[in-house]
């Protein structure tokens, strides 16, 4: 991996089994081992961000469902009154 001012060197311990799997998987591409860590880290961050957004969306939908239920419950009597008025007008009574 190329040296870059925006990068910091770290030491990462990876199980040998995982490292061997990596070497067998990318044998045709011949990347450096540092690239494997970089790619894995980027993938982890990307997945983490997607999971966080998904969890926030689920939380928002649950919160909105409670608000919508309260609004519907508050307006239920108005719906019944409107339905009764329509039925009365249609039936001529």
PDB file of N, CA and C in Angstrom:
ATOM      1  N   UNK A   1       0.839  -1.165   0.000  1.00  0.00           N
ATOM      2  CA  UNK A   1       0.000   0.000   0.000  1.00  0.00           C
ATOM      3  C   UNK A   1       0.891   1.236   0.000  1.00  0.00           C
ATOM      4  N   UNK A   2       0.546   2.259  -0.733  1.00  0.00           N
ATOM      5  CA  UNK A   2       1.370   3.453  -0.837  1.00  0.00           C
ATOM      6  C   UNK A   2       1.301   4.284   0.439  1.00  0.00           C
ATOM      7  N   UNK A   3       2.405   4.937   0.776  1.00  0.00           N
ATOM      8  CA  UNK A   3       2.428   5.836   1.926  1.00  0.00           C
ATOM      9  C   UNK A   3       1.628   7.086   1.584  1.00  0.00           C
ATOM     10  N   UNK A   4       0.885   7.567   2.546  1.00  0.00           N
ATOM     11  CA  UNK A   4       0.036   8.720   2.332  1.00  0.00           C
ATOM     12  C   UNK A   4       0.016   9.534   3.616  1.00  0.00           C
ATOM     13  N   UNK A   5       0.016  10.861   3.489  1.00  0.00           N
ATOM     14  CA  UNK A   5      -0.007  11.722   4.671  1.00  0.00           C
ATOM     15  C   UNK A   5      -1.291  11.552   5.474  1.00  0.00           C
ATOM     16  N   UNK A   6      -2.368  11.146   4.830  1.00  0.00           N
ATOM     17  CA  UNK A   6      -3.659  10.999   5.491  1.00  0.00           C
ATOM     18  C   UNK A   6      -3.838   9.635   6.136  1.00  0.00           C
ATOM     19  N   UNK A   7      -2.812   8.816   6.107  1.00  0.00           N
ATOM     20  CA  UNK A   7      -2.923   7.464   6.647  1.00  0.00           C
ATOM     21  C   UNK A   7      -2.039   7.304   7.867  1.00  0.00           C
ATOM     22  N   UNK A   8      -2.474   6.418   8.733  1.00  0.00           N
ATOM     23  CA  UNK A   8      -1.711   6.107   9.928  1.00  0.00           C
ATOM     24  C   UNK A   8      -1.428   4.615   9.922  1.00  0.00           C
ATOM     25  N   UNK A   9      -0.212   4.248  10.237  1.00  0.00           N
ATOM     26  CA  UNK A   9       0.165   2.841  10.247  1.00  0.00           C
ATOM     27  C   UNK A   9      -0.279   2.222  11.565  1.00  0.00           C
ATOM     28  N   UNK A  10      -0.934   1.076  11.467  1.00  0.00           N
ATOM     29  CA  UNK A  10      -1.367   0.336  12.651  1.00  0.00           C
ATOM     30  C   UNK A  10      -0.960  -1.121  12.491  1.00  0.00           C
ATOM     31  N   UNK A  11      -0.873  -1.803  13.596  1.00  0.00           N
ATOM     32  CA  UNK A  11      -0.572  -3.235  13.570  1.00  0.00           C
ATOM     33  C   UNK A  11      -1.871  -3.972  13.853  1.00  0.00           C
ATOM     34  N   UNK A  12      -2.193  -4.911  12.988  1.00  0.00           N
ATOM     35  CA  UNK A  12      -3.428  -5.674  13.110  1.00  0.00           C
ATOM     36  C   UNK A  12      -3.075  -7.139  13.233  1.00  0.00           C
ATOM     37  N   UNK A  13      -3.658  -7.787  14.225  1.00  0.00           N
ATOM     38  CA  UNK A  13      -3.452  -9.226  14.371  1.00  0.00           C
ATOM     39  C   UNK A  13      -4.641  -9.936  13.743  1.00  0.00           C
ATOM     40  N   UNK A  14      -4.330 -10.809  12.794  1.00  0.00           N
ATOM     41  CA  UNK A  14      -5.351 -11.557  12.065  1.00  0.00           C
ATOM     42  C   UNK A  14      -5.058 -13.035  12.246  1.00  0.00           C
ATOM     43  N   UNK A  15      -6.096 -13.823  12.539  1.00  0.00           N
ATOM     44  CA  UNK A  15      -5.865 -15.263  12.656  1.00  0.00           C
ATOM     45  C   UNK A  15      -5.274 -15.829  11.361  1.00  0.00           C
ATOM     46  N   UNK A  16      -4.365 -16.798  11.501  1.00  0.00           N
ATOM     47  CA  UNK A  16      -3.704 -17.388  10.330  1.00  0.00           C
ATOM     48  C   UNK A  16      -4.712 -17.986   9.364  1.00  0.00           C
ATOM     49  N   UNK A  17      -5.752 -18.609   9.902  1.00  0.00           N
ATOM     50  CA  UNK A  17      -6.771 -19.215   9.047  1.00  0.00           C
ATOM     51  C   UNK A  17      -7.404 -18.158   8.144  1.00  0.00           C
ATOM     52  N   UNK A  18      -7.709 -17.007   8.707  1.00  0.00           N
ATOM     53  CA  UNK A  18      -8.318 -15.944   7.917  1.00  0.00           C
ATOM     54  C   UNK A  18      -7.339 -15.409   6.871  1.00  0.00           C
ATOM     55  N   UNK A  19      -6.113 -15.255   7.243  1.00  0.00           N
ATOM     56  CA  UNK A  19      -5.098 -14.772   6.313  1.00  0.00           C
ATOM     57  C   UNK A  19      -4.885 -15.769   5.177  1.00  0.00           C
ATOM     58  N   UNK A  20      -4.867 -17.064   5.492  1.00  0.00           N
ATOM     59  CA  UNK A  20      -4.722 -18.094   4.460  1.00  0.00           C
ATOM     60  C   UNK A  20      -5.909 -18.082   3.509  1.00  0.00           C
ATOM     61  N   UNK A  21      -7.118 -17.911   4.056  1.00  0.00           N
ATOM     62  CA  UNK A  21      -8.302 -17.835   3.198  1.00  0.00           C
ATOM     63  C   UNK A  21      -8.195 -16.640   2.264  1.00  0.00           C
ATOM     64  N   UNK A  22      -7.708 -15.534   2.785  1.00  0.00           N
ATOM     65  CA  UNK A  22      -7.535 -14.338   1.967  1.00  0.00           C
ATOM     66  C   UNK A  22      -6.553 -14.599   0.835  1.00  0.00           C
ATOM     67  N   UNK A  23      -5.430 -15.225   1.132  1.00  0.00           N
ATOM     68  CA  UNK A  23      -4.424 -15.484   0.105  1.00  0.00           C
ATOM     69  C   UNK A  23      -4.951 -16.416  -0.975  1.00  0.00           C
ATOM     70  N   UNK A  24      -5.777 -17.388  -0.606  1.00  0.00           N
ATOM     71  CA  UNK A  24      -6.351 -18.296  -1.603  1.00  0.00           C
ATOM     72  C   UNK A  24      -7.410 -17.585  -2.441  1.00  0.00           C
ATOM     73  N   UNK A  25      -8.134 -16.680  -1.835  1.00  0.00           N
ATOM     74  CA  UNK A  25      -9.217 -15.992  -2.532  1.00  0.00           C
ATOM     75  C   UNK A  25      -8.701 -15.016  -3.568  1.00  0.00           C
ATOM     76  N   UNK A  26      -7.654 -14.274  -3.227  1.00  0.00           N
ATOM     77  CA  UNK A  26      -7.187 -13.213  -4.117  1.00  0.00           C
ATOM     78  C   UNK A  26      -5.859 -13.549  -4.778  1.00  0.00           C
ATOM     79  N   UNK A  27      -5.630 -14.820  -5.051  1.00  0.00           N
ATOM     80  CA  UNK A  27      -4.357 -15.250  -5.620  1.00  0.00           C
ATOM     81  C   UNK A  27      -4.114 -14.639  -6.999  1.00  0.00           C
ATOM     82  N   UNK A  28      -5.173 -14.357  -7.756  1.00  0.00           N
ATOM     83  CA  UNK A  28      -5.008 -13.814  -9.107  1.00  0.00           C
ATOM     84  C   UNK A  28      -4.770 -12.304  -9.089  1.00  0.00           C
ATOM     85  N   UNK A  29      -5.216 -11.628  -8.049  1.00  0.00           N
ATOM     86  CA  UNK A  29      -5.102 -10.173  -8.004  1.00  0.00           C
ATOM     87  C   UNK A  29      -3.778  -9.705  -7.401  1.00  0.00           C
ATOM     88  N   UNK A  30      -3.167 -10.511  -6.589  1.00  0.00           N
ATOM     89  CA  UNK A  30      -1.898 -10.216  -5.938  1.00  0.00           C
ATOM     90  C   UNK A  30      -1.869  -8.869  -5.215  1.00  0.00           C
ATOM     91  N   UNK A  31      -2.850  -8.574  -4.360  1.00  0.00           N
ATOM     92  CA  UNK A  31      -2.793  -7.335  -3.590  1.00  0.00           C
ATOM     93  C   UNK A  31      -1.866  -7.497  -2.387  1.00  0.00           C
ATOM     94  N   UNK A  32      -1.446  -6.405  -1.833  1.00  0.00           N
ATOM     95  CA  UNK A  32      -0.653  -6.462  -0.619  1.00  0.00           C
ATOM     96  C   UNK A  32      -1.569  -6.827   0.542  1.00  0.00           C
ATOM     97  N   UNK A  33      -0.986  -7.345   1.604  1.00  0.00           N
ATOM     98  CA  UNK A  33      -1.795  -7.704   2.766  1.00  0.00           C
ATOM     99  C   UNK A  33      -2.446  -6.471   3.378  1.00  0.00           C
ATOM    100  N   UNK A  34      -1.787  -5.348   3.296  1.00  0.00           N
ATOM    101  CA  UNK A  34      -2.363  -4.103   3.813  1.00  0.00           C
ATOM    102  C   UNK A  34      -3.638  -3.726   3.086  1.00  0.00           C
ATOM    103  N   UNK A  35      -3.680  -4.035   1.781  1.00  0.00           N
ATOM    104  CA  UNK A  35      -4.889  -3.772   1.012  1.00  0.00           C
ATOM    105  C   UNK A  35      -6.046  -4.602   1.532  1.00  0.00           C
ATOM    106  N   UNK A  36      -5.757  -5.828   1.936  1.00  0.00           N
ATOM    107  CA  UNK A  36      -6.801  -6.694   2.484  1.00  0.00           C
ATOM    108  C   UNK A  36      -7.411  -6.051   3.722  1.00  0.00           C
ATOM    109  N   UNK A  37      -6.567  -5.535   4.606  1.00  0.00           N
ATOM    110  CA  UNK A  37      -7.062  -4.895   5.827  1.00  0.00           C
ATOM    111  C   UNK A  37      -7.847  -3.640   5.473  1.00  0.00           C
ATOM    112  N   UNK A  38      -7.336  -2.863   4.531  1.00  0.00           N
ATOM    113  CA  UNK A  38      -8.020  -1.634   4.123  1.00  0.00           C
ATOM    114  C   UNK A  38      -9.394  -1.944   3.538  1.00  0.00           C
ATOM    115  N   UNK A  39      -9.434  -2.894   2.625  1.00  0.00           N
ATOM    116  CA  UNK A  39     -10.704  -3.262   1.993  1.00  0.00           C
ATOM    117  C   UNK A  39     -11.678  -3.807   3.026  1.00  0.00           C
ATOM    118  N   UNK A  40     -11.193  -4.648   3.918  1.00  0.00           N
ATOM    119  CA  UNK A  40     -12.053  -5.210   4.955  1.00  0.00           C
ATOM    120  C   UNK A  40     -12.589  -4.120   5.869  1.00  0.00           C
ATOM    121  N   UNK A  41     -11.735  -3.177   6.225  1.00  0.00           N
ATOM    122  CA  UNK A  41     -12.163  -2.082   7.094  1.00  0.00           C
ATOM    123  C   UNK A  41     -13.198  -1.212   6.405  1.00  0.00           C
ATOM    124  N   UNK A  42     -12.974  -0.881   5.145  1.00  0.00           N
ATOM    125  CA  UNK A  42     -13.949  -0.073   4.399  1.00  0.00           C
ATOM    126  C   UNK A  42     -15.286  -0.804   4.295  1.00  0.00           C
ATOM    127  N   UNK A  43     -15.228  -2.101   4.041  1.00  0.00           N
ATOM    128  CA  UNK A  43     -16.456  -2.883   3.948  1.00  0.00           C
ATOM    129  C   UNK A  43     -17.192  -2.880   5.284  1.00  0.00           C
ATOM    130  N   UNK A  44     -16.438  -3.041   6.370  1.00  0.00           N
ATOM    131  CA  UNK A  44     -17.044  -3.030   7.705  1.00  0.00           C
ATOM    132  C   UNK A  44     -17.706  -1.678   7.982  1.00  0.00           C
ATOM    133  N   UNK A  45     -17.001  -0.592   7.674  1.00  0.00           N
ATOM    134  CA  UNK A  45     -17.552   0.745   7.911  1.00  0.00           C
ATOM    135  C   UNK A  45     -18.801   0.955   7.065  1.00  0.00           C
ATOM    136  N   UNK A  46     -18.756   0.543   5.823  1.00  0.00           N
ATOM    137  CA  UNK A  46     -19.904   0.684   4.931  1.00  0.00           C
ATOM    138  C   UNK A  46     -21.100  -0.111   5.445  1.00  0.00           C
ATOM    139  N   UNK A  47     -20.864  -1.352   5.846  1.00  0.00           N
ATOM    140  CA  UNK A  47     -21.939  -2.179   6.391  1.00  0.00           C
ATOM    141  C   UNK A  47     -22.480  -1.590   7.683  1.00  0.00           C
ATOM    142  N   UNK A  48     -21.582  -1.074   8.521  1.00  0.00           N
ATOM    143  CA  UNK A  48     -21.994  -0.475   9.788  1.00  0.00           C
ATOM    144  C   UNK A  48     -22.887   0.736   9.539  1.00  0.00           C
ATOM    145  N   UNK A  49     -22.499   1.572   8.575  1.00  0.00           N
ATOM    146  CA  UNK A  49     -23.304   2.743   8.249  1.00  0.00           C
ATOM    147  C   UNK A  49     -24.673   2.327   7.727  1.00  0.00           C
ATOM    148  N   UNK A  50     -24.721   1.328   6.869  1.00  0.00           N
ATOM    149  CA  UNK A  50     -25.996   0.854   6.330  1.00  0.00           C
ATOM    150  C   UNK A  50     -26.871   0.294   7.445  1.00  0.00           C
ATOM    151  N   UNK A  51     -26.281  -0.476   8.349  1.00  0.00           N
ATOM    152  CA  UNK A  51     -27.042  -1.026   9.466  1.00  0.00           C
ATOM    153  C   UNK A  51     -27.562   0.079  10.372  1.00  0.00           C
ATOM    154  N   UNK A  52     -26.746   1.094  10.604  1.00  0.00           N
ATOM    155  CA  UNK A  52     -27.160   2.210  11.450  1.00  0.00           C
ATOM    156  C   UNK A  52     -28.336   2.947  10.828  1.00  0.00           C
ATOM    157  N   UNK A  53     -28.257   3.206   9.536  1.00  0.00           N
ATOM    158  CA  UNK A  53     -29.356   3.882   8.845  1.00  0.00           C
ATOM    159  C   UNK A  53     -30.618   3.030   8.907  1.00  0.00           C
ATOM    160  N   UNK A  54     -30.479   1.727   8.670  1.00  0.00           N
ATOM    161  CA  UNK A  54     -31.627   0.825   8.715  1.00  0.00           C
ATOM    162  C   UNK A  54     -32.272   0.838  10.100  1.00  0.00           C
ATOM    163  N   UNK A  55     -31.458   0.785  11.157  1.00  0.00           N
ATOM    164  CA  UNK A  55     -31.989   0.802  12.519  1.00  0.00           C
ATOM    165  C   UNK A  55     -32.690   2.121  12.824  1.00  0.00           C
ATOM    166  N   UNK A  56     -32.115   3.230  12.374  1.00  0.00           N
ATOM    167  CA  UNK A  56     -32.737   4.535  12.591  1.00  0.00           C
ATOM    168  C   UNK A  56     -34.072   4.626  11.848  1.00  0.00           C
ATOM    169  N   UNK A  57     -34.119   4.092  10.630  1.00  0.00           N
ATOM    170  CA  UNK A  57     -35.374   4.094   9.873  1.00  0.00           C
ATOM    171  C   UNK A  57     -36.439   3.265  10.576  1.00  0.00           C
ATOM    172  N   UNK A  58     -36.058   2.099  11.074  1.00  0.00           N
ATOM    173  CA  UNK A  58     -37.012   1.254  11.789  1.00  0.00           C
ATOM    174  C   UNK A  58     -37.527   1.975  13.034  1.00  0.00           C
ATOM    175  N   UNK A  59     -36.632   2.601  13.768  1.00  0.00           N
ATOM    176  CA  UNK A  59     -37.017   3.342  14.970  1.00  0.00           C
ATOM    177  C   UNK A  59     -37.986   4.469  14.606  1.00  0.00           C
ATOM    178  N   UNK A  60     -37.697   5.179  13.522  1.00  0.00           N
ATOM    179  CA  UNK A  60     -38.565   6.259  13.073  1.00  0.00           C
ATOM    180  C   UNK A  60     -39.950   5.765  12.680  1.00  0.00           C
ATOM    181  N   UNK A  61     -40.006   4.637  11.981  1.00  0.00           N
ATOM    182  CA  UNK A  61     -41.303   4.081  11.598  1.00  0.00           C
ATOM    183  C   UNK A  61     -42.113   3.661  12.817  1.00  0.00           C
ATOM    184  N   UNK A  62     -41.457   3.089  13.822  1.00  0.00           N
ATOM    185  CA  UNK A  62     -42.165   2.688  15.040  1.00  0.00           C
ATOM    186  C   UNK A  62     -42.707   3.924  15.750  1.00  0.00           C
ATOM    187  N   UNK A  63     -41.884   4.968  15.866  1.00  0.00           N
ATOM    188  CA  UNK A  63     -42.334   6.201  16.511  1.00  0.00           C
ATOM    189  C   UNK A  63     -43.503   6.822  15.752  1.00  0.00           C
ATOM    190  N   UNK A  64     -43.413   6.853  14.428  1.00  0.00           N
ATOM    191  CA  UNK A  64     -44.494   7.427  13.630  1.00  0.00           C
ATOM    192  C   UNK A  64     -45.759   6.587  13.711  1.00  0.00           C
ATOM    193  N   UNK A  65     -45.621   5.282  13.834  1.00  0.00           N
ATOM    194  CA  UNK A  65     -46.816   4.441  13.935  1.00  0.00           C
ATOM    195  C   UNK A  65     -47.589   4.766  15.203  1.00  0.00           C
ATOM    196  N   UNK A  66     -46.882   5.048  16.292  1.00  0.00           N
ATOM    197  CA  UNK A  66     -47.551   5.416  17.540  1.00  0.00           C
ATOM    198  C   UNK A  66     -48.262   6.764  17.391  1.00  0.00           C
ATOM    199  N   UNK A  67     -47.616   7.708  16.740  1.00  0.00           N
ATOM    200  CA  UNK A  67     -48.228   9.020  16.514  1.00  0.00           C
ATOM    201  C   UNK A  67     -49.451   8.881  15.617  1.00  0.00           C
ATOM    202  N   UNK A  68     -49.336   8.111  14.543  1.00  0.00           N
ATOM    203  CA  UNK A  68     -50.464   7.910  13.627  1.00  0.00           C
ATOM    204  C   UNK A  68     -51.630   7.220  14.320  1.00  0.00           C
ATOM    205  N   UNK A  69     -51.336   6.268  15.197  1.00  0.00           N
ATOM    206  CA  UNK A  69     -52.394   5.583  15.940  1.00  0.00           C
ATOM    207  C   UNK A  69     -53.136   6.555  16.848  1.00  0.00           C
ATOM    208  N   UNK A  70     -52.418   7.446  17.520  1.00  0.00           N
ATOM    209  CA  UNK A  70     -53.059   8.441  18.388  1.00  0.00           C
ATOM    210  C   UNK A  70     -53.935   9.387  17.581  1.00  0.00           C
ATOM    211  N   UNK A  71     -53.436   9.833  16.431  1.00  0.00           N
ATOM    212  CA  UNK A  71     -54.218  10.731  15.576  1.00  0.00           C
ATOM    213  C   UNK A  71     -55.483  10.028  15.095  1.00  0.00           C
ATOM    214  N   UNK A  72     -55.349   8.787  14.668  1.00  0.00           N
ATOM    215  CA  UNK A  72     -56.511   8.028  14.186  1.00  0.00           C
ATOM    216  C   UNK A  72     -57.527   7.830  15.305  1.00  0.00           C
ATOM    217  N   UNK A  73     -57.057   7.539  16.512  1.00  0.00           N
ATOM    218  CA  UNK A  73     -57.967   7.335  17.645  1.00  0.00           C
ATOM    219  C   UNK A  73     -58.692   8.632  17.994  1.00  0.00           C
ATOM    220  N   UNK A  74     -57.997   9.768  17.914  1.00  0.00           N
ATOM    221  CA  UNK A  74     -58.617  11.058  18.219  1.00  0.00           C
ATOM    222  C   UNK A  74     -59.689  11.422  17.197  1.00  0.00           C
ATOM    223  N   UNK A  75     -59.530  11.012  15.964  1.00  0.00           N
ATOM    224  CA  UNK A  75     -60.453  11.393  14.890  1.00  0.00           C
ATOM    225  C   UNK A  75     -61.510  10.330  14.602  1.00  0.00           C
ATOM    226  N   UNK A  76     -61.508   9.249  15.335  1.00  0.00           N
ATOM    227  CA  UNK A  76     -62.435   8.154  15.044  1.00  0.00           C
ATOM    228  C   UNK A  76     -63.888   8.587  15.178  1.00  0.00           C
ATOM    229  N   UNK A  77     -64.208   9.360  16.224  1.00  0.00           N
ATOM    230  CA  UNK A  77     -65.594   9.791  16.404  1.00  0.00           C
ATOM    231  C   UNK A  77     -66.063  10.678  15.250  1.00  0.00           C
ATOM    232  N   UNK A  78     -65.165  11.474  14.671  1.00  0.00           N
ATOM    233  CA  UNK A  78     -65.510  12.318  13.528  1.00  0.00           C
ATOM    234  C   UNK A  78     -65.819  11.451  12.314  1.00  0.00           C
ATOM    235  N   UNK A  79     -65.057  10.379  12.116  1.00  0.00           N
ATOM    236  CA  UNK A  79     -65.316   9.455  11.010  1.00  0.00           C
ATOM    237  C   UNK A  79     -66.694   8.804  11.154  1.00  0.00           C
ATOM    238  N   UNK A  80     -67.018   8.357  12.365  1.00  0.00           N
ATOM    239  CA  UNK A  80     -68.327   7.736  12.597  1.00  0.00           C
ATOM    240  C   UNK A  80     -69.451   8.746  12.356  1.00  0.00           C
ATOM    241  N   UNK A  81     -69.250   9.974  12.801  1.00  0.00           N
ATOM    242  CA  UNK A  81     -70.262  11.011  12.600  1.00  0.00           C
ATOM    243  C   UNK A  81     -70.453  11.301  11.114  1.00  0.00           C
ATOM    244  N   UNK A  82     -69.368  11.381  10.356  1.00  0.00           N
ATOM    245  CA  UNK A  82     -69.457  11.626   8.914  1.00  0.00           C
ATOM    246  C   UNK A  82     -70.156  10.468   8.214  1.00  0.00           C
ATOM    247  N   UNK A  83     -69.829   9.243   8.597  1.00  0.00           N
ATOM    248  CA  UNK A  83     -70.473   8.078   7.993  1.00  0.00           C
ATOM    249  C   UNK A  83     -71.968   8.081   8.296  1.00  0.00           C
ATOM    250  N   UNK A  84     -72.336   8.409   9.517  1.00  0.00           N
ATOM    251  CA  UNK A  84     -73.749   8.451   9.906  1.00  0.00           C
ATOM    252  C   UNK A  84     -74.486   9.528   9.101  1.00  0.00           C
ATOM    253  N   UNK A  85     -73.853  10.694   8.922  1.00  0.00           N
ATOM    254  CA  UNK A  85     -74.467  11.784   8.163  1.00  0.00           C
ATOM    255  C   UNK A  85     -74.680  11.374   6.707  1.00  0.00           C
ATOM    256  N   UNK A  86     -73.699  10.741   6.104  1.00  0.00           N
ATOM    257  CA  UNK A  86     -73.822  10.295   4.711  1.00  0.00           C
ATOM    258  C   UNK A  86     -74.945   9.278   4.581  1.00  0.00           C
ATOM    259  N   UNK A  87     -74.993   8.309   5.477  1.00  0.00           N
ATOM    260  CA  UNK A  87     -76.052   7.291   5.421  1.00  0.00           C
ATOM    261  C   UNK A  87     -77.428   7.924   5.596  1.00  0.00           C
ATOM    262  N   UNK A  88     -77.521   8.915   6.460  1.00  0.00           N
ATOM    263  CA  UNK A  88     -78.805   9.582   6.694  1.00  0.00           C
ATOM    264  C   UNK A  88     -79.225  10.364   5.445  1.00  0.00           C
ATOM    265  N   UNK A  89     -78.266  11.052   4.813  1.00  0.00           N
ATOM    266  CA  UNK A  89     -78.596  11.830   3.618  1.00  0.00           C
ATOM    267  C   UNK A  89     -78.938  10.936   2.431  1.00  0.00           C
ATOM    268  N   UNK A  90     -78.238   9.820   2.295  1.00  0.00           N
ATOM    269  CA  UNK A  90     -78.489   8.907   1.183  1.00  0.00           C
ATOM    270  C   UNK A  90     -79.838   8.221   1.344  1.00  0.00           C
ATOM    271  N   UNK A  91     -80.178   7.877   2.557  1.00  0.00           N
ATOM    272  CA  UNK A  91     -81.437   7.165   2.786  1.00  0.00           C
ATOM    273  C   UNK A  91     -82.624   8.118   2.814  1.00  0.00           C
ATOM    274  N   UNK A  92     -82.345   9.429   2.815  1.00  0.00           N
ATOM    275  CA  UNK A  92     -83.432  10.402   2.776  1.00  0.00           C
ATOM    276  C   UNK A  92     -84.025  10.669   4.146  1.00  0.00           C
ATOM    277  N   UNK A  93     -83.348  10.265   5.190  1.00  0.00           N
ATOM    278  CA  UNK A  93     -83.914  10.416   6.532  1.00  0.00           C
ATOM    279  C   UNK A  93     -83.208  11.376   7.320  1.00  0.00           C
TER     280      UNK A  93
END
